[in-house]
Amino acid sequence: MTSKKRIIGNYGEDLAVKYLKDNSYRILDRNYSKPYGEIDIICLKGNVLSFVEVKTRKNDLFASASEAVDYYKQKRIIRAAKAYIMEKNLGDYFISFDVCEVYRDTGKINYIENAFG
């Protein structure tokens, strides 16, 4: 049985994938997971390999969704990204760690390139 949290997360990730494709990104992987970290979307645009963390929220009245990507979450994403780069032999690309905020009430997407790193 899928949890409500996972359903909402999948919804946000699906919207983020559509946004990325509409903006000329090629999706390489989704939900790449290692024991020490997980990456929602991995994509490529030109010579930039992007590791995207998707945060889905009802609205932004309390805080922006990207504020949930704290220092410890960033470190886990970076560790998983290093493993992905090694596994797939993708060391020749520039790297970007991005955050995609998805707001369910409005359908608004706020894409933040180079959000951390």
PDB file of N, CA and C in Angstrom:
ATOM      1  N   MET A   1       0.839  -1.178   0.000  1.00  0.00           N
ATOM      2  CA  MET A   1       0.000   0.000   0.000  1.00  0.00           C
ATOM      3  C   MET A   1       0.886   1.244   0.000  1.00  0.00           C
ATOM      4  N   THR A   2       0.593   2.167  -0.874  1.00  0.00           N
ATOM      5  CA  THR A   2       1.365   3.389  -1.001  1.00  0.00           C
ATOM      6  C   THR A   2       0.862   4.434  -0.010  1.00  0.00           C
ATOM      7  N   SER A   3       1.787   5.081   0.685  1.00  0.00           N
ATOM      8  CA  SER A   3       1.404   6.091   1.673  1.00  0.00           C
ATOM      9  C   SER A   3       0.981   7.390   0.987  1.00  0.00           C
ATOM     10  N   LYS A   4       0.233   8.208   1.709  1.00  0.00           N
ATOM     11  CA  LYS A   4      -0.201   9.503   1.186  1.00  0.00           C
ATOM     12  C   LYS A   4       1.015  10.369   0.856  1.00  0.00           C
ATOM     13  N   LYS A   5       2.038  10.310   1.711  1.00  0.00           N
ATOM     14  CA  LYS A   5       3.259  11.080   1.493  1.00  0.00           C
ATOM     15  C   LYS A   5       3.923  10.684   0.170  1.00  0.00           C
ATOM     16  N   ARG A   6       3.960   9.377  -0.110  1.00  0.00           N
ATOM     17  CA  ARG A   6       4.579   8.893  -1.353  1.00  0.00           C
ATOM     18  C   ARG A   6       3.752   9.291  -2.571  1.00  0.00           C
ATOM     19  N   ILE A   7       2.428   9.256  -2.441  1.00  0.00           N
ATOM     20  CA  ILE A   7       1.555   9.675  -3.549  1.00  0.00           C
ATOM     21  C   ILE A   7       1.799  11.148  -3.878  1.00  0.00           C
ATOM     22  N   ILE A   8       1.881  11.980  -2.849  1.00  0.00           N
ATOM     23  CA  ILE A   8       2.142  13.410  -3.053  1.00  0.00           C
ATOM     24  C   ILE A   8       3.529  13.604  -3.658  1.00  0.00           C
ATOM     25  N   GLY A   9       4.505  12.857  -3.159  1.00  0.00           N
ATOM     26  CA  GLY A   9       5.862  12.943  -3.707  1.00  0.00           C
ATOM     27  C   GLY A   9       5.923  12.547  -5.169  1.00  0.00           C
ATOM     28  N   ASN A  10       5.241  11.477  -5.522  1.00  0.00           N
ATOM     29  CA  ASN A  10       5.208  11.039  -6.924  1.00  0.00           C
ATOM     30  C   ASN A  10       4.553  12.086  -7.814  1.00  0.00           C
ATOM     31  N   TYR A  11       3.469  12.687  -7.314  1.00  0.00           N
ATOM     32  CA  TYR A  11       2.781  13.744  -8.058  1.00  0.00           C
ATOM     33  C   TYR A  11       3.752  14.892  -8.355  1.00  0.00           C
ATOM     34  N   GLY A  12       4.463  15.342  -7.338  1.00  0.00           N
ATOM     35  CA  GLY A  12       5.427  16.425  -7.516  1.00  0.00           C
ATOM     36  C   GLY A  12       6.549  16.057  -8.464  1.00  0.00           C
ATOM     37  N   GLU A  13       7.055  14.837  -8.338  1.00  0.00           N
ATOM     38  CA  GLU A  13       8.134  14.395  -9.222  1.00  0.00           C
ATOM     39  C   GLU A  13       7.659  14.291 -10.669  1.00  0.00           C
ATOM     40  N   ASP A  14       6.443  13.834 -10.877  1.00  0.00           N
ATOM     41  CA  ASP A  14       5.899  13.760 -12.238  1.00  0.00           C
ATOM     42  C   ASP A  14       5.789  15.152 -12.862  1.00  0.00           C
ATOM     43  N   LEU A  15       5.325  16.139 -12.076  1.00  0.00           N
ATOM     44  CA  LEU A  15       5.253  17.511 -12.586  1.00  0.00           C
ATOM     45  C   LEU A  15       6.648  18.068 -12.862  1.00  0.00           C
ATOM     46  N   ALA A  16       7.608  17.736 -11.997  1.00  0.00           N
ATOM     47  CA  ALA A  16       8.978  18.201 -12.198  1.00  0.00           C
ATOM     48  C   ALA A  16       9.572  17.599 -13.471  1.00  0.00           C
ATOM     49  N   VAL A  17       9.326  16.320 -13.716  1.00  0.00           N
ATOM     50  CA  VAL A  17       9.822  15.677 -14.933  1.00  0.00           C
ATOM     51  C   VAL A  17       9.233  16.354 -16.172  1.00  0.00           C
ATOM     52  N   LYS A  18       7.945  16.640 -16.142  1.00  0.00           N
ATOM     53  CA  LYS A  18       7.313  17.335 -17.271  1.00  0.00           C
ATOM     54  C   LYS A  18       7.962  18.699 -17.489  1.00  0.00           C
ATOM     55  N   TYR A  19       8.170  19.441 -16.404  1.00  0.00           N
ATOM     56  CA  TYR A  19       8.817  20.747 -16.481  1.00  0.00           C
ATOM     57  C   TYR A  19      10.215  20.619 -17.097  1.00  0.00           C
ATOM     58  N   LEU A  20      10.984  19.657 -16.628  1.00  0.00           N
ATOM     59  CA  LEU A  20      12.346  19.468 -17.126  1.00  0.00           C
ATOM     60  C   LEU A  20      12.348  19.110 -18.610  1.00  0.00           C
ATOM     61  N   LYS A  21      11.487  18.189 -19.008  1.00  0.00           N
ATOM     62  CA  LYS A  21      11.413  17.814 -20.422  1.00  0.00           C
ATOM     63  C   LYS A  21      10.999  19.002 -21.282  1.00  0.00           C
ATOM     64  N   ASP A  22      10.037  19.784 -20.791  1.00  0.00           N
ATOM     65  CA  ASP A  22       9.593  20.975 -21.524  1.00  0.00           C
ATOM     66  C   ASP A  22      10.698  22.016 -21.659  1.00  0.00           C
ATOM     67  N   ASN A  23      11.720  21.921 -20.801  1.00  0.00           N
ATOM     68  CA  ASN A  23      12.837  22.860 -20.821  1.00  0.00           C
ATOM     69  C   ASN A  23      14.128  22.209 -21.311  1.00  0.00           C
ATOM     70  N   SER A  24      13.965  21.190 -22.156  1.00  0.00           N
ATOM     71  CA  SER A  24      15.079  20.564 -22.894  1.00  0.00           C
ATOM     72  C   SER A  24      16.041  19.736 -22.050  1.00  0.00           C
ATOM     73  N   TYR A  25      15.606  19.278 -20.891  1.00  0.00           N
ATOM     74  CA  TYR A  25      16.416  18.340 -20.114  1.00  0.00           C
ATOM     75  C   TYR A  25      16.092  16.921 -20.562  1.00  0.00           C
ATOM     76  N   ARG A  26      17.103  16.069 -20.534  1.00  0.00           N
ATOM     77  CA  ARG A  26      16.903  14.645 -20.808  1.00  0.00           C
ATOM     78  C   ARG A  26      16.985  13.907 -19.479  1.00  0.00           C
ATOM     79  N   ILE A  27      15.924  13.189 -19.148  1.00  0.00           N
ATOM     80  CA  ILE A  27      15.864  12.470 -17.882  1.00  0.00           C
ATOM     81  C   ILE A  27      16.697  11.193 -17.992  1.00  0.00           C
ATOM     82  N   LEU A  28      17.641  11.033 -17.083  1.00  0.00           N
ATOM     83  CA  LEU A  28      18.494   9.837 -17.070  1.00  0.00           C
ATOM     84  C   LEU A  28      18.002   8.813 -16.055  1.00  0.00           C
ATOM     85  N   ASP A  29      17.542   9.288 -14.903  1.00  0.00           N
ATOM     86  CA  ASP A  29      17.134   8.386 -13.830  1.00  0.00           C
ATOM     87  C   ASP A  29      16.175   9.093 -12.887  1.00  0.00           C
ATOM     88  N   ARG A  30      15.385   8.261 -12.195  1.00  0.00           N
ATOM     89  CA  ARG A  30      14.497   8.758 -11.140  1.00  0.00           C
ATOM     90  C   ARG A  30      14.657   7.872  -9.916  1.00  0.00           C
ATOM     91  N   ASN A  31      14.585   8.488  -8.765  1.00  0.00           N
ATOM     92  CA  ASN A  31      14.634   7.778  -7.478  1.00  0.00           C
ATOM     93  C   ASN A  31      15.852   6.870  -7.353  1.00  0.00           C
ATOM     94  N   TYR A  32      17.006   7.415  -7.691  1.00  0.00           N
ATOM     95  CA  TYR A  32      18.269   6.699  -7.516  1.00  0.00           C
ATOM     96  C   TYR A  32      18.570   6.654  -6.026  1.00  0.00           C
ATOM     97  N   SER A  33      18.813   5.442  -5.512  1.00  0.00           N
ATOM     98  CA  SER A  33      18.935   5.289  -4.074  1.00  0.00           C
ATOM     99  C   SER A  33      20.169   4.488  -3.683  1.00  0.00           C
ATOM    100  N   LYS A  34      20.810   4.966  -2.637  1.00  0.00           N
ATOM    101  CA  LYS A  34      21.913   4.289  -1.968  1.00  0.00           C
ATOM    102  C   LYS A  34      21.590   4.310  -0.474  1.00  0.00           C
ATOM    103  N   PRO A  35      22.230   3.478   0.316  1.00  0.00           N
ATOM    104  CA  PRO A  35      21.922   3.480   1.754  1.00  0.00           C
ATOM    105  C   PRO A  35      22.134   4.847   2.417  1.00  0.00           C
ATOM    106  N   TYR A  36      23.008   5.661   1.866  1.00  0.00           N
ATOM    107  CA  TYR A  36      23.358   6.948   2.473  1.00  0.00           C
ATOM    108  C   TYR A  36      22.710   8.141   1.784  1.00  0.00           C
ATOM    109  N   GLY A  37      21.849   7.921   0.789  1.00  0.00           N
ATOM    110  CA  GLY A  37      21.195   9.051   0.145  1.00  0.00           C
ATOM    111  C   GLY A  37      20.377   8.655  -1.058  1.00  0.00           C
ATOM    112  N   GLU A  38      19.457   9.539  -1.437  1.00  0.00           N
ATOM    113  CA  GLU A  38      18.569   9.287  -2.570  1.00  0.00           C
ATOM    114  C   GLU A  38      18.460  10.557  -3.397  1.00  0.00           C
ATOM    115  N   ILE A  39      18.341  10.390  -4.703  1.00  0.00           N
ATOM    116  CA  ILE A  39      18.180  11.522  -5.616  1.00  0.00           C
ATOM    117  C   ILE A  39      16.881  11.322  -6.377  1.00  0.00           C
ATOM    118  N   ASP A  40      16.038  12.345  -6.361  1.00  0.00           N
ATOM    119  CA  ASP A  40      14.727  12.238  -6.991  1.00  0.00           C
ATOM    120  C   ASP A  40      14.825  12.129  -8.510  1.00  0.00           C
ATOM    121  N   ILE A  41      15.559  13.049  -9.138  1.00  0.00           N
ATOM    122  CA  ILE A  41      15.674  13.070 -10.599  1.00  0.00           C
ATOM    123  C   ILE A  41      17.118  13.386 -10.977  1.00  0.00           C
ATOM    124  N   ILE A  42      17.617  12.654 -11.959  1.00  0.00           N
ATOM    125  CA  ILE A  42      18.935  12.940 -12.522  1.00  0.00           C
ATOM    126  C   ILE A  42      18.712  13.215 -13.998  1.00  0.00           C
ATOM    127  N   CYS A  43      19.203  14.367 -14.463  1.00  0.00           N
ATOM    128  CA  CYS A  43      18.943  14.755 -15.844  1.00  0.00           C
ATOM    129  C   CYS A  43      20.147  15.467 -16.448  1.00  0.00           C
ATOM    130  N   LEU A  44      20.073  15.624 -17.748  1.00  0.00           N
ATOM    131  CA  LEU A  44      21.177  16.186 -18.504  1.00  0.00           C
ATOM    132  C   LEU A  44      20.652  17.249 -19.453  1.00  0.00           C
ATOM    133  N   LYS A  45      21.343  18.385 -19.485  1.00  0.00           N
ATOM    134  CA  LYS A  45      21.041  19.448 -20.445  1.00  0.00           C
ATOM    135  C   LYS A  45      22.372  20.002 -20.920  1.00  0.00           C
ATOM    136  N   GLY A  46      22.668  19.782 -22.189  1.00  0.00           N
ATOM    137  CA  GLY A  46      23.969  20.187 -22.711  1.00  0.00           C
ATOM    138  C   GLY A  46      25.064  19.416 -22.007  1.00  0.00           C
ATOM    139  N   ASN A  47      26.018  20.142 -21.438  1.00  0.00           N
ATOM    140  CA  ASN A  47      27.121  19.480 -20.742  1.00  0.00           C
ATOM    141  C   ASN A  47      26.983  19.586 -19.218  1.00  0.00           C
ATOM    142  N   VAL A  48      25.739  19.778 -18.741  1.00  0.00           N
ATOM    143  CA  VAL A  48      25.479  19.893 -17.312  1.00  0.00           C
ATOM    144  C   VAL A  48      24.629  18.714 -16.838  1.00  0.00           C
ATOM    145  N   LEU A  49      25.168  17.981 -15.880  1.00  0.00           N
ATOM    146  CA  LEU A  49      24.477  16.867 -15.242  1.00  0.00           C
ATOM    147  C   LEU A  49      23.834  17.417 -13.969  1.00  0.00           C
ATOM    148  N   SER A  50      22.496  17.348 -13.896  1.00  0.00           N
ATOM    149  CA  SER A  50      21.766  17.928 -12.770  1.00  0.00           C
ATOM    150  C   SER A  50      21.178  16.845 -11.880  1.00  0.00           C
ATOM    151  N   PHE A  51      21.373  17.031 -10.584  1.00  0.00           N
ATOM    152  CA  PHE A  51      20.781  16.173  -9.568  1.00  0.00           C
ATOM    153  C   PHE A  51      19.700  17.017  -8.898  1.00  0.00           C
ATOM    154  N   VAL A  52      18.456  16.571  -9.054  1.00  0.00           N
ATOM    155  CA  VAL A  52      17.320  17.404  -8.665  1.00  0.00           C
ATOM    156  C   VAL A  52      16.596  16.813  -7.457  1.00  0.00           C
ATOM    157  N   GLU A  53      16.446  17.629  -6.431  1.00  0.00           N
ATOM    158  CA  GLU A  53      15.640  17.287  -5.265  1.00  0.00           C
ATOM    159  C   GLU A  53      14.291  17.974  -5.445  1.00  0.00           C
ATOM    160  N   VAL A  54      13.214  17.195  -5.429  1.00  0.00           N
ATOM    161  CA  VAL A  54      11.871  17.730  -5.605  1.00  0.00           C
ATOM    162  C   VAL A  54      11.198  17.828  -4.242  1.00  0.00           C
ATOM    163  N   LYS A  55      10.654  18.999  -3.951  1.00  0.00           N
ATOM    164  CA  LYS A  55       9.913  19.217  -2.718  1.00  0.00           C
ATOM    165  C   LYS A  55       8.506  19.677  -3.080  1.00  0.00           C
ATOM    166  N   THR A  56       7.530  18.897  -2.676  1.00  0.00           N
ATOM    167  CA  THR A  56       6.136  19.196  -2.977  1.00  0.00           C
ATOM    168  C   THR A  56       5.437  19.642  -1.698  1.00  0.00           C
ATOM    169  N   ARG A  57       4.770  20.769  -1.793  1.00  0.00           N
ATOM    170  CA  ARG A  57       4.039  21.313  -0.663  1.00  0.00           C
ATOM    171  C   ARG A  57       2.662  21.768  -1.125  1.00  0.00           C
ATOM    172  N   LYS A  58       1.750  21.895  -0.175  1.00  0.00           N
ATOM    173  CA  LYS A  58       0.409  22.386  -0.493  1.00  0.00           C
ATOM    174  C   LYS A  58       0.498  23.836  -0.964  1.00  0.00           C
ATOM    175  N   ASN A  59       1.239  24.661  -0.232  1.00  0.00           N
ATOM    176  CA  ASN A  59       1.420  26.068  -0.593  1.00  0.00           C
ATOM    177  C   ASN A  59       2.698  26.569   0.062  1.00  0.00           C
ATOM    178  N   ASP A  60       2.989  27.842  -0.132  1.00  0.00           N
ATOM    179  CA  ASP A  60       4.211  28.405   0.446  1.00  0.00           C
ATOM    180  C   ASP A  60       3.904  29.436   1.534  1.00  0.00           C
ATOM    181  N   LEU A  61       2.764  29.315   2.171  1.00  0.00           N
ATOM    182  CA  LEU A  61       2.372  30.268   3.202  1.00  0.00           C
ATOM    183  C   LEU A  61       3.278  30.188   4.434  1.00  0.00           C
ATOM    184  N   PHE A  62       3.684  28.992   4.799  1.00  0.00           N
ATOM    185  CA  PHE A  62       4.514  28.812   5.995  1.00  0.00           C
ATOM    186  C   PHE A  62       5.995  29.036   5.682  1.00  0.00           C
ATOM    187  N   ALA A  63       6.479  28.407   4.633  1.00  0.00           N
ATOM    188  CA  ALA A  63       7.889  28.519   4.235  1.00  0.00           C
ATOM    189  C   ALA A  63       8.029  27.964   2.827  1.00  0.00           C
ATOM    190  N   SER A  64       9.115  28.309   2.179  1.00  0.00           N
ATOM    191  CA  SER A  64       9.346  27.748   0.848  1.00  0.00           C
ATOM    192  C   SER A  64       9.720  26.275   0.976  1.00  0.00           C
ATOM    193  N   ALA A  65       9.371  25.514  -0.023  1.00  0.00           N
ATOM    194  CA  ALA A  65       9.656  24.076  -0.005  1.00  0.00           C
ATOM    195  C   ALA A  65      11.155  23.803   0.041  1.00  0.00           C
ATOM    196  N   SER A  66      11.938  24.646  -0.599  1.00  0.00           N
ATOM    197  CA  SER A  66      13.382  24.411  -0.662  1.00  0.00           C
ATOM    198  C   SER A  66      14.052  24.497   0.709  1.00  0.00           C
ATOM    199  N   GLU A  67      13.404  25.148   1.673  1.00  0.00           N
ATOM    200  CA  GLU A  67      13.985  25.252   3.012  1.00  0.00           C
ATOM    201  C   GLU A  67      14.098  23.890   3.692  1.00  0.00           C
ATOM    202  N   ALA A  68      13.372  22.902   3.181  1.00  0.00           N
ATOM    203  CA  ALA A  68      13.449  21.545   3.736  1.00  0.00           C
ATOM    204  C   ALA A  68      14.719  20.818   3.301  1.00  0.00           C
ATOM    205  N   VAL A  69      15.457  21.378   2.370  1.00  0.00           N
ATOM    206  CA  VAL A  69      16.709  20.764   1.907  1.00  0.00           C
ATOM    207  C   VAL A  69      17.841  21.353   2.741  1.00  0.00           C
ATOM    208  N   ASP A  70      17.967  20.829   3.937  1.00  0.00           N
ATOM    209  CA  ASP A  70      18.957  21.358   4.870  1.00  0.00           C
ATOM    210  C   ASP A  70      20.354  20.792   4.581  1.00  0.00           C
ATOM    211  N   TYR A  71      21.311  21.214   5.391  1.00  0.00           N
ATOM    212  CA  TYR A  71      22.710  20.825   5.219  1.00  0.00           C
ATOM    213  C   TYR A  71      22.872  19.304   5.161  1.00  0.00           C
ATOM    214  N   TYR A  72      22.207  18.575   6.060  1.00  0.00           N
ATOM    215  CA  TYR A  72      22.360  17.127   6.123  1.00  0.00           C
ATOM    216  C   TYR A  72      21.747  16.443   4.907  1.00  0.00           C
ATOM    217  N   LYS A  73      20.618  16.949   4.431  1.00  0.00           N
ATOM    218  CA  LYS A  73      19.990  16.417   3.219  1.00  0.00           C
ATOM    219  C   LYS A  73      20.909  16.673   2.023  1.00  0.00           C
ATOM    220  N   GLN A  74      21.493  17.854   1.962  1.00  0.00           N
ATOM    221  CA  GLN A  74      22.421  18.186   0.877  1.00  0.00           C
ATOM    222  C   GLN A  74      23.608  17.230   0.852  1.00  0.00           C
ATOM    223  N   LYS A  75      24.163  16.942   2.010  1.00  0.00           N
ATOM    224  CA  LYS A  75      25.315  16.042   2.083  1.00  0.00           C
ATOM    225  C   LYS A  75      24.947  14.636   1.606  1.00  0.00           C
ATOM    226  N   ARG A  76      23.750  14.164   1.953  1.00  0.00           N
ATOM    227  CA  ARG A  76      23.309  12.835   1.498  1.00  0.00           C
ATOM    228  C   ARG A  76      23.137  12.812  -0.024  1.00  0.00           C
ATOM    229  N   ILE A  77      22.586  13.885  -0.575  1.00  0.00           N
ATOM    230  CA  ILE A  77      22.407  13.966  -2.030  1.00  0.00           C
ATOM    231  C   ILE A  77      23.772  13.985  -2.722  1.00  0.00           C
ATOM    232  N   ILE A  78      24.684  14.763  -2.198  1.00  0.00           N
ATOM    233  CA  ILE A  78      26.025  14.859  -2.798  1.00  0.00           C
ATOM    234  C   ILE A  78      26.729  13.501  -2.774  1.00  0.00           C
ATOM    235  N   ARG A  79      26.622  12.771  -1.676  1.00  0.00           N
ATOM    236  CA  ARG A  79      27.241  11.429  -1.603  1.00  0.00           C
ATOM    237  C   ARG A  79      26.638  10.482  -2.631  1.00  0.00           C
ATOM    238  N   ALA A  80      25.317  10.507  -2.763  1.00  0.00           N
ATOM    239  CA  ALA A  80      24.656   9.649  -3.750  1.00  0.00           C
ATOM    240  C   ALA A  80      25.054  10.071  -5.164  1.00  0.00           C
ATOM    241  N   ALA A  81      25.180  11.365  -5.401  1.00  0.00           N
ATOM    242  CA  ALA A  81      25.580  11.864  -6.721  1.00  0.00           C
ATOM    243  C   ALA A  81      26.977  11.386  -7.092  1.00  0.00           C
ATOM    244  N   LYS A  82      27.890  11.417  -6.134  1.00  0.00           N
ATOM    245  CA  LYS A  82      29.255  10.927  -6.387  1.00  0.00           C
ATOM    246  C   LYS A  82      29.223   9.450  -6.791  1.00  0.00           C
ATOM    247  N   ALA A  83      28.408   8.669  -6.105  1.00  0.00           N
ATOM    248  CA  ALA A  83      28.286   7.247  -6.447  1.00  0.00           C
ATOM    249  C   ALA A  83      27.714   7.080  -7.855  1.00  0.00           C
ATOM    250  N   TYR A  84      26.705   7.857  -8.192  1.00  0.00           N
ATOM    251  CA  TYR A  84      26.084   7.774  -9.519  1.00  0.00           C
ATOM    252  C   TYR A  84      27.102   8.118 -10.616  1.00  0.00           C
ATOM    253  N   ILE A  85      27.845   9.175 -10.402  1.00  0.00           N
ATOM    254  CA  ILE A  85      28.855   9.599 -11.383  1.00  0.00           C
ATOM    255  C   ILE A  85      29.886   8.496 -11.591  1.00  0.00           C
ATOM    256  N   MET A  86      30.315   7.875 -10.512  1.00  0.00           N
ATOM    257  CA  MET A  86      31.296   6.782 -10.615  1.00  0.00           C
ATOM    258  C   MET A  86      30.702   5.572 -11.328  1.00  0.00           C
ATOM    259  N   GLU A  87      29.491   5.177 -10.936  1.00  0.00           N
ATOM    260  CA  GLU A  87      28.839   3.997 -11.532  1.00  0.00           C
ATOM    261  C   GLU A  87      28.618   4.157 -13.028  1.00  0.00           C
ATOM    262  N   LYS A  88      28.213   5.356 -13.437  1.00  0.00           N
ATOM    263  CA  LYS A  88      27.830   5.601 -14.831  1.00  0.00           C
ATOM    264  C   LYS A  88      28.954   6.217 -15.660  1.00  0.00           C
ATOM    265  N   ASN A  89      30.115   6.428 -15.027  1.00  0.00           N
ATOM    266  CA  ASN A  89      31.279   7.001 -15.710  1.00  0.00           C
ATOM    267  C   ASN A  89      30.922   8.343 -16.373  1.00  0.00           C
ATOM    268  N   LEU A  90      30.379   9.251 -15.571  1.00  0.00           N
ATOM    269  CA  LEU A  90      29.920  10.552 -16.079  1.00  0.00           C
ATOM    270  C   LEU A  90      30.761  11.707 -15.548  1.00  0.00           C
ATOM    271  N   GLY A  91      32.032  11.471 -15.329  1.00  0.00           N
ATOM    272  CA  GLY A  91      32.914  12.480 -14.755  1.00  0.00           C
ATOM    273  C   GLY A  91      33.245  13.652 -15.644  1.00  0.00           C
ATOM    274  N   ASP A  92      32.869  13.627 -16.915  1.00  0.00           N
ATOM    275  CA  ASP A  92      33.223  14.696 -17.844  1.00  0.00           C
ATOM    276  C   ASP A  92      32.210  15.831 -17.901  1.00  0.00           C
ATOM    277  N   TYR A  93      31.179  15.782 -17.077  1.00  0.00           N
ATOM    278  CA  TYR A  93      30.127  16.800 -17.115  1.00  0.00           C
ATOM    279  C   TYR A  93      30.288  17.798 -15.979  1.00  0.00           C
ATOM    280  N   PHE A  94      29.778  19.017 -16.211  1.00  0.00           N
ATOM    281  CA  PHE A  94      29.618  19.965 -15.114  1.00  0.00           C
ATOM    282  C   PHE A  94      28.472  19.445 -14.264  1.00  0.00           C
ATOM    283  N   ILE A  95      28.496  19.749 -12.984  1.00  0.00           N
ATOM    284  CA  ILE A  95      27.501  19.223 -12.046  1.00  0.00           C
ATOM    285  C   ILE A  95      26.686  20.372 -11.468  1.00  0.00           C
ATOM    286  N   SER A  96      25.386  20.134 -11.331  1.00  0.00           N
ATOM    287  CA  SER A  96      24.503  21.103 -10.698  1.00  0.00           C
ATOM    288  C   SER A  96      23.577  20.371  -9.726  1.00  0.00           C
ATOM    289  N   PHE A  97      23.440  20.925  -8.536  1.00  0.00           N
ATOM    290  CA  PHE A  97      22.502  20.392  -7.550  1.00  0.00           C
ATOM    291  C   PHE A  97      21.331  21.369  -7.481  1.00  0.00           C
ATOM    292  N   ASP A  98      20.192  20.925  -7.972  1.00  0.00           N
ATOM    293  CA  ASP A  98      19.035  21.794  -8.126  1.00  0.00           C
ATOM    294  C   ASP A  98      17.903  21.373  -7.194  1.00  0.00           C
ATOM    295  N   VAL A  99      17.011  22.307  -6.919  1.00  0.00           N
ATOM    296  CA  VAL A  99      15.813  22.019  -6.140  1.00  0.00           C
ATOM    297  C   VAL A  99      14.612  22.466  -6.968  1.00  0.00           C
ATOM    298  N   CYS A 100      13.631  21.597  -7.047  1.00  0.00           N
ATOM    299  CA  CYS A 100      12.392  21.914  -7.752  1.00  0.00           C
ATOM    300  C   CYS A 100      11.263  21.956  -6.721  1.00  0.00           C
ATOM    301  N   GLU A 101      10.730  23.163  -6.504  1.00  0.00           N
ATOM    302  CA  GLU A 101       9.608  23.341  -5.592  1.00  0.00           C
ATOM    303  C   GLU A 101       8.311  23.192  -6.377  1.00  0.00           C
ATOM    304  N   VAL A 102       7.422  22.344  -5.889  1.00  0.00           N
ATOM    305  CA  VAL A 102       6.118  22.144  -6.523  1.00  0.00           C
ATOM    306  C   VAL A 102       5.058  22.479  -5.479  1.00  0.00           C
ATOM    307  N   TYR A 103       4.140  23.395  -5.851  1.00  0.00           N
ATOM    308  CA  TYR A 103       3.063  23.798  -4.951  1.00  0.00           C
ATOM    309  C   TYR A 103       1.734  23.304  -5.511  1.00  0.00           C
ATOM    310  N   ARG A 104       1.103  22.424  -4.749  1.00  0.00           N
ATOM    311  CA  ARG A 104      -0.114  21.755  -5.218  1.00  0.00           C
ATOM    312  C   ARG A 104      -1.287  22.703  -5.384  1.00  0.00           C
ATOM    313  N   ASP A 105      -1.466  23.659  -4.486  1.00  0.00           N
ATOM    314  CA  ASP A 105      -2.627  24.555  -4.560  1.00  0.00           C
ATOM    315  C   ASP A 105      -2.682  25.336  -5.870  1.00  0.00           C
ATOM    316  N   THR A 106      -1.528  25.757  -6.345  1.00  0.00           N
ATOM    317  CA  THR A 106      -1.483  26.614  -7.537  1.00  0.00           C
ATOM    318  C   THR A 106      -0.914  25.907  -8.759  1.00  0.00           C
ATOM    319  N   GLY A 107      -0.253  24.768  -8.557  1.00  0.00           N
ATOM    320  CA  GLY A 107       0.429  24.096  -9.655  1.00  0.00           C
ATOM    321  C   GLY A 107       1.730  24.787 -10.023  1.00  0.00           C
ATOM    322  N   LYS A 108       2.127  25.762  -9.234  1.00  0.00           N
ATOM    323  CA  LYS A 108       3.343  26.535  -9.487  1.00  0.00           C
ATOM    324  C   LYS A 108       4.584  25.670  -9.285  1.00  0.00           C
ATOM    325  N   ILE A 109       5.547  25.862 -10.181  1.00  0.00           N
ATOM    326  CA  ILE A 109       6.847  25.212 -10.065  1.00  0.00           C
ATOM    327  C   ILE A 109       7.907  26.295 -10.005  1.00  0.00           C
ATOM    328  N   ASN A 110       8.762  26.190  -9.012  1.00  0.00           N
ATOM    329  CA  ASN A 110       9.893  27.093  -8.881  1.00  0.00           C
ATOM    330  C   ASN A 110      11.146  26.238  -8.972  1.00  0.00           C
ATOM    331  N   TYR A 111      11.890  26.404 -10.065  1.00  0.00           N
ATOM    332  CA  TYR A 111      13.087  25.582 -10.286  1.00  0.00           C
ATOM    333  C   TYR A 111      14.315  26.397  -9.935  1.00  0.00           C
ATOM    334  N   ILE A 112      15.121  25.895  -9.002  1.00  0.00           N
ATOM    335  CA  ILE A 112      16.292  26.600  -8.519  1.00  0.00           C
ATOM    336  C   ILE A 112      17.546  25.842  -8.965  1.00  0.00           C
ATOM    337  N   GLU A 113      18.250  26.395  -9.943  1.00  0.00           N
ATOM    338  CA  GLU A 113      19.485  25.779 -10.413  1.00  0.00           C
ATOM    339  C   GLU A 113      20.620  26.126  -9.442  1.00  0.00           C
ATOM    340  N   ASN A 114      21.559  25.198  -9.301  1.00  0.00           N
ATOM    341  CA  ASN A 114      22.724  25.409  -8.412  1.00  0.00           C
ATOM    342  C   ASN A 114      22.279  25.847  -7.022  1.00  0.00           C
ATOM    343  N   ALA A 115      21.317  25.158  -6.461  1.00  0.00           N
ATOM    344  CA  ALA A 115      20.768  25.525  -5.154  1.00  0.00           C
ATOM    345  C   ALA A 115      21.773  25.286  -4.027  1.00  0.00           C
ATOM    346  N   PHE A 116      22.655  24.337  -4.220  1.00  0.00           N
ATOM    347  CA  PHE A 116      23.691  24.048  -3.224  1.00  0.00           C
ATOM    348  C   PHE A 116      24.813  23.297  -3.916  1.00  0.00           C
ATOM    349  N   GLY A 117      25.880  23.019  -3.152  1.00  0.00           N
ATOM    350  CA  GLY A 117      26.953  22.251  -3.756  1.00  0.00           C
ATOM    351  C   GLY A 117      28.270  22.423  -3.134  1.00  0.00           C
TER     352      GLY A 117
END
